[in-house]
Every structure is written in structure tokens, then in C-alpha cells.
Amino acid sequence: MLLHLPRSPIPVFPLPGVYLFPSQLLPLHVFEPRYRQMIEDMLDGPGLLVVASPLASDAVPPPLPRVAGLGEIVRHERQPDGRFLIQVLGRARVQLSEVPSDRLYRRVLCAPFAEIDVAVDDVPRLAQRLRAATSARLTAPLPLPESAPVALLADLLLQTLGAAPDVIARAYAEPSVAARAHFVLRAAERGGPKATGPE
């Protein structure tokens, strides 16, 4: 979790159906002029941006969700034609408030997303269930230590499900880690595409 959120507006990269999870490394190909401008602007700063899946709407531009992923560009490669290949590391879920932008891309203010931790007595069994459900969907051993938190395990299982966008959106924005974990476990029990390896 990022302890200090940016106080000034930061860029938002709207990507339908894409959710940036904490600790996830997300590779992105940036080719549209407005987002090339965004990356150029970011290279002289802390490299923070929000990746958000816009809500389904006829509005232009479509509204942003209330919860999205704050990330940091940890690697970038500028291509000869001006495109960028970047890798974004998820830092935290945040709440969004869009603000006016004088650039080609949109900007948001970030507020903390307050997660409700799992009760201590419930952690071992819930973690075991999440591990088992995720391992059953992977072809390689789960690459996480036994101390991995329930929130991380729930996010990893969610990423393996290939679930419908509304299912992912609901789980992603759920503040109660226990409720999120149980919701994802129920979705896994209903079945869906299996992953080929660890995320």
C-alpha cells in the first residue's frame, strides 16, 4: 500500500476492462497521441498514474469508476515512431475525483480507499481456501509465501477467473477484504476459463 498519495492531480489511463491490482505488473503499449503526451509529461515527475476501466455509458468521455488502481511506471521504452512500451506496477486501490485538464488526457485526484481487514481468527482458513482455489486454476505452483495476505490472494484468484466485467468491477471495489474473498470464491465455484500459469 502506498502510504502517501499524490496531493495534486495525476493522469488517468482509461482502459475498458482493465483493472490494475496492487503488486501487479501491467505491461502497456502506448500509441494514441494523447497518451503519448501523457507519458512524455510523466517522465520528468514521479511516474504515477491511475489505470481505470470506464463505466458503460453513452456519454463522451465515459464516466470513470469510483475506485481504480494507482500505479507507478517502473520501466519505459520509447520507440522510434514515438510510441512507448511501459510497465506499470500497481501500488494501491484509490478513490477518484476527476478534475479539469488542460492536456489531451484526463486527470484525477486520488483519495484513500479504506479496506476493512479480515478478522484475525478468520485469516488462516480463508487464506487456505483462496490458495487452494487459485492453485486449482494454475499449471505451476502458486509463487507466493505462506504469509501472503488474504487481500493479495483474493486479487490473484480474481485475475485467474476470466470473469464477466461486472463481476470483476464489483469485487475490485469491495472495501471488505473478507466479503471480497468470499465473493471471488463463489465466482470460482461457478467455474470459468482456467489460467495457464501464475499471474
Protein backbone atom coordinates (compact mmCIF):
# COMPACT_ATOMS: atom_id res chain seq x y z
CA MET A 1 0.00 0.00 0.00
CA LEU A 2 1.29 3.44 -0.92
CA LEU A 3 1.42 5.45 2.32
CA HIS A 4 1.46 8.91 0.76
CA LEU A 5 -0.98 9.56 -2.07
CA PRO A 6 -0.25 12.35 -4.54
CA ARG A 7 -1.94 15.60 -3.48
CA SER A 8 -2.03 17.14 -6.95
CA PRO A 9 -3.97 15.79 -9.95
CA ILE A 10 -2.35 12.92 -11.83
CA PRO A 11 -3.05 11.38 -15.25
CA VAL A 12 -5.63 8.67 -15.72
CA PHE A 13 -5.29 5.99 -18.40
CA PRO A 14 -8.84 4.75 -19.16
CA LEU A 15 -8.71 1.17 -20.40
CA PRO A 16 -12.02 -0.69 -20.74
CA GLY A 17 -11.99 -3.98 -18.87
CA VAL A 18 -8.52 -3.43 -17.39
CA TYR A 19 -8.02 -3.37 -13.61
CA LEU A 20 -4.66 -2.60 -12.01
CA PHE A 21 -4.24 -4.63 -8.82
CA PRO A 22 -1.81 -3.82 -6.01
CA SER A 23 1.58 -5.50 -6.66
CA GLN A 24 0.56 -6.39 -10.24
CA LEU A 25 3.00 -5.58 -13.05
CA LEU A 26 0.99 -4.45 -16.07
CA PRO A 27 2.69 -4.08 -19.49
CA LEU A 28 1.09 -1.48 -21.75
CA HIS A 29 1.59 -0.35 -25.34
CA VAL A 30 1.00 3.42 -25.59
CA PHE A 31 0.32 4.64 -29.12
CA GLU A 32 -2.53 7.20 -29.08
CA PRO A 33 -1.22 10.82 -29.29
CA ARG A 34 -2.97 11.91 -26.06
CA TYR A 35 -1.42 9.10 -24.06
CA ARG A 36 1.96 9.55 -25.69
CA GLN A 37 1.71 13.14 -24.46
CA MET A 38 0.78 11.77 -21.03
CA ILE A 39 3.90 9.59 -20.84
CA GLU A 40 6.12 12.43 -22.06
CA ASP A 41 4.74 14.65 -19.30
CA MET A 42 5.23 11.95 -16.67
CA LEU A 43 8.86 11.17 -17.42
CA ASP A 44 10.03 14.27 -15.54
CA GLY A 45 7.90 13.51 -12.47
CA PRO A 46 7.20 10.66 -10.05
CA GLY A 47 5.70 8.48 -12.78
CA LEU A 48 2.35 7.96 -11.05
CA LEU A 49 -0.90 7.40 -12.94
CA VAL A 50 -4.28 5.81 -12.45
CA VAL A 51 -5.46 2.92 -14.63
CA ALA A 52 -9.26 2.87 -14.69
CA SER A 53 -11.91 0.87 -16.51
CA PRO A 54 -14.55 3.41 -17.66
CA LEU A 55 -18.19 2.75 -16.87
CA ALA A 56 -20.51 1.66 -19.68
CA SER A 57 -22.21 4.83 -20.88
CA ASP A 58 -23.24 6.76 -23.98
CA ALA A 59 -21.51 9.82 -22.52
CA VAL A 60 -18.33 11.12 -24.16
CA PRO A 61 -15.96 10.72 -22.49
CA PRO A 62 -17.43 7.86 -20.45
CA PRO A 63 -17.51 8.34 -16.67
CA LEU A 64 -14.76 6.86 -14.56
CA PRO A 65 -15.38 4.35 -11.76
CA ARG A 66 -15.20 5.48 -8.14
CA VAL A 67 -12.37 3.02 -7.42
CA ALA A 68 -9.35 2.31 -9.63
CA GLY A 69 -5.69 1.38 -9.43
CA LEU A 70 -2.85 3.77 -8.68
CA GLY A 71 0.33 2.68 -10.41
CA GLU A 72 3.91 3.70 -10.98
CA ILE A 73 5.78 3.45 -14.27
CA VAL A 74 8.80 1.30 -13.41
CA ARG A 75 10.08 0.85 -16.96
CA HIS A 76 9.60 2.59 -20.28
CA GLU A 77 10.95 2.18 -23.79
CA ARG A 78 10.47 4.94 -26.33
CA GLN A 79 10.05 3.59 -29.85
CA PRO A 80 11.47 5.39 -32.92
CA ASP A 81 7.96 6.36 -34.08
CA GLY A 82 7.03 7.95 -30.72
CA ARG A 83 5.16 5.01 -29.21
CA PHE A 84 6.01 3.79 -25.71
CA LEU A 85 6.22 0.36 -24.17
CA ILE A 86 5.77 0.74 -20.44
CA GLN A 87 5.42 -1.41 -17.35
CA VAL A 88 3.17 -0.15 -14.56
CA LEU A 89 3.43 -1.53 -11.03
CA GLY A 90 0.17 -1.42 -9.07
CA ARG A 91 0.59 0.44 -5.77
CA ALA A 92 -2.90 0.70 -4.29
CA ARG A 93 -6.60 0.97 -4.90
CA VAL A 94 -7.73 4.60 -4.70
CA GLN A 95 -10.94 6.58 -4.90
CA LEU A 96 -11.16 9.00 -7.81
CA SER A 97 -12.42 12.52 -8.38
CA GLU A 98 -11.98 13.81 -11.92
CA VAL A 99 -10.74 17.39 -12.31
CA PRO A 100 -10.47 19.67 -15.36
CA SER A 101 -7.42 19.05 -17.51
CA ASP A 102 -5.57 21.40 -19.84
CA ARG A 103 -3.84 18.46 -21.51
CA LEU A 104 -5.09 15.97 -24.09
CA TYR A 105 -5.58 13.34 -21.38
CA ARG A 106 -7.83 13.29 -18.30
CA ARG A 107 -6.68 13.92 -14.73
CA VAL A 108 -7.94 12.84 -11.32
CA LEU A 109 -7.40 13.48 -7.64
CA CYS A 110 -6.79 10.39 -5.53
CA ALA A 111 -8.24 9.72 -2.09
CA PRO A 112 -7.50 6.72 0.15
CA PHE A 113 -9.50 3.55 -0.37
CA ALA A 114 -10.16 2.28 3.14
CA GLU A 115 -10.04 -1.51 3.20
CA ILE A 116 -11.60 -3.44 6.07
CA ASP A 117 -9.20 -6.17 7.17
CA VAL A 118 -10.18 -9.78 7.74
CA ALA A 119 -10.74 -10.76 11.37
CA VAL A 120 -7.56 -12.37 12.67
CA ASP A 121 -9.27 -15.65 13.55
CA ASP A 122 -10.64 -15.98 10.01
CA VAL A 123 -7.35 -15.42 8.18
CA PRO A 124 -5.88 -18.98 8.16
CA ARG A 125 -8.95 -20.77 6.79
CA LEU A 126 -9.80 -18.04 4.27
CA ALA A 127 -6.21 -17.89 3.04
CA GLN A 128 -6.14 -21.68 2.67
CA ARG A 129 -9.35 -21.68 0.63
CA LEU A 130 -8.06 -18.93 -1.65
CA ARG A 131 -4.75 -20.73 -2.15
CA ALA A 132 -6.49 -23.99 -2.99
CA ALA A 133 -8.91 -22.35 -5.44
CA THR A 134 -6.11 -20.45 -7.18
CA SER A 135 -3.75 -23.43 -7.33
CA ALA A 136 -6.51 -25.48 -8.96
CA ARG A 137 -6.59 -22.96 -11.80
CA LEU A 138 -2.84 -22.72 -12.40
CA THR A 139 -0.45 -25.10 -14.13
CA ALA A 140 2.51 -24.05 -11.96
CA PRO A 141 2.88 -23.75 -8.18
CA LEU A 142 1.46 -20.60 -6.60
CA PRO A 143 4.51 -18.29 -6.32
CA LEU A 144 3.59 -16.68 -3.00
CA PRO A 145 4.88 -17.20 0.55
CA GLU A 146 2.64 -18.65 3.25
CA SER A 147 2.47 -15.19 4.80
CA ALA A 148 0.78 -13.66 1.74
CA PRO A 149 -2.19 -11.53 2.87
CA VAL A 150 -5.77 -12.50 2.12
CA ALA A 151 -6.28 -9.36 0.02
CA LEU A 152 -3.45 -10.37 -2.31
CA LEU A 153 -4.69 -13.95 -2.55
CA ALA A 154 -8.23 -12.79 -3.37
CA ASP A 155 -6.92 -10.46 -6.07
CA LEU A 156 -4.83 -13.21 -7.59
CA LEU A 157 -7.77 -15.61 -7.72
CA LEU A 158 -9.93 -12.89 -9.30
CA GLN A 159 -7.34 -12.40 -12.02
CA THR A 160 -7.43 -16.11 -12.94
CA LEU A 161 -11.20 -16.31 -13.34
CA GLY A 162 -11.78 -14.71 -16.72
CA ALA A 163 -14.98 -13.42 -15.11
CA ALA A 164 -17.54 -11.05 -16.62
CA PRO A 165 -16.68 -7.34 -16.32
CA ASP A 166 -19.46 -6.67 -13.81
CA VAL A 167 -18.14 -9.44 -11.55
CA ILE A 168 -14.60 -8.06 -11.64
CA ALA A 169 -15.81 -4.48 -11.10
CA ARG A 170 -17.88 -5.48 -8.08
CA ALA A 171 -15.08 -7.46 -6.46
CA TYR A 172 -12.46 -4.82 -7.22
CA ALA A 173 -14.41 -2.04 -5.49
CA GLU A 174 -15.45 -4.05 -2.42
CA PRO A 175 -13.85 -2.48 0.68
CA SER A 176 -14.29 -5.52 2.95
CA VAL A 177 -11.45 -7.94 2.21
CA ALA A 178 -13.45 -10.84 3.68
CA ALA A 179 -16.51 -10.03 1.59
CA ARG A 180 -14.32 -9.68 -1.50
CA ALA A 181 -12.65 -13.02 -0.83
CA HIS A 182 -15.94 -14.87 -0.32
CA PHE A 183 -17.41 -13.25 -3.44
CA VAL A 184 -14.43 -14.32 -5.54
CA LEU A 185 -14.53 -17.85 -4.09
CA ARG A 186 -18.21 -18.15 -5.06
CA ALA A 187 -17.37 -16.94 -8.57
CA ALA A 188 -14.60 -19.55 -8.78
CA GLU A 189 -17.00 -22.30 -7.71
CA ARG A 190 -19.33 -21.33 -10.55
CA GLY A 191 -16.47 -22.09 -12.94
CA GLY A 192 -14.86 -20.31 -15.85
CA PRO A 193 -11.73 -20.35 -18.02
CA LYS A 194 -8.62 -21.67 -16.33
CA ALA A 195 -5.31 -19.85 -16.43
CA THR A 196 -2.19 -21.42 -17.90
CA GLY A 197 0.27 -20.18 -15.30
CA PRO A 198 0.73 -17.80 -12.37
CA GLU A 199 -0.20 -14.20 -12.97
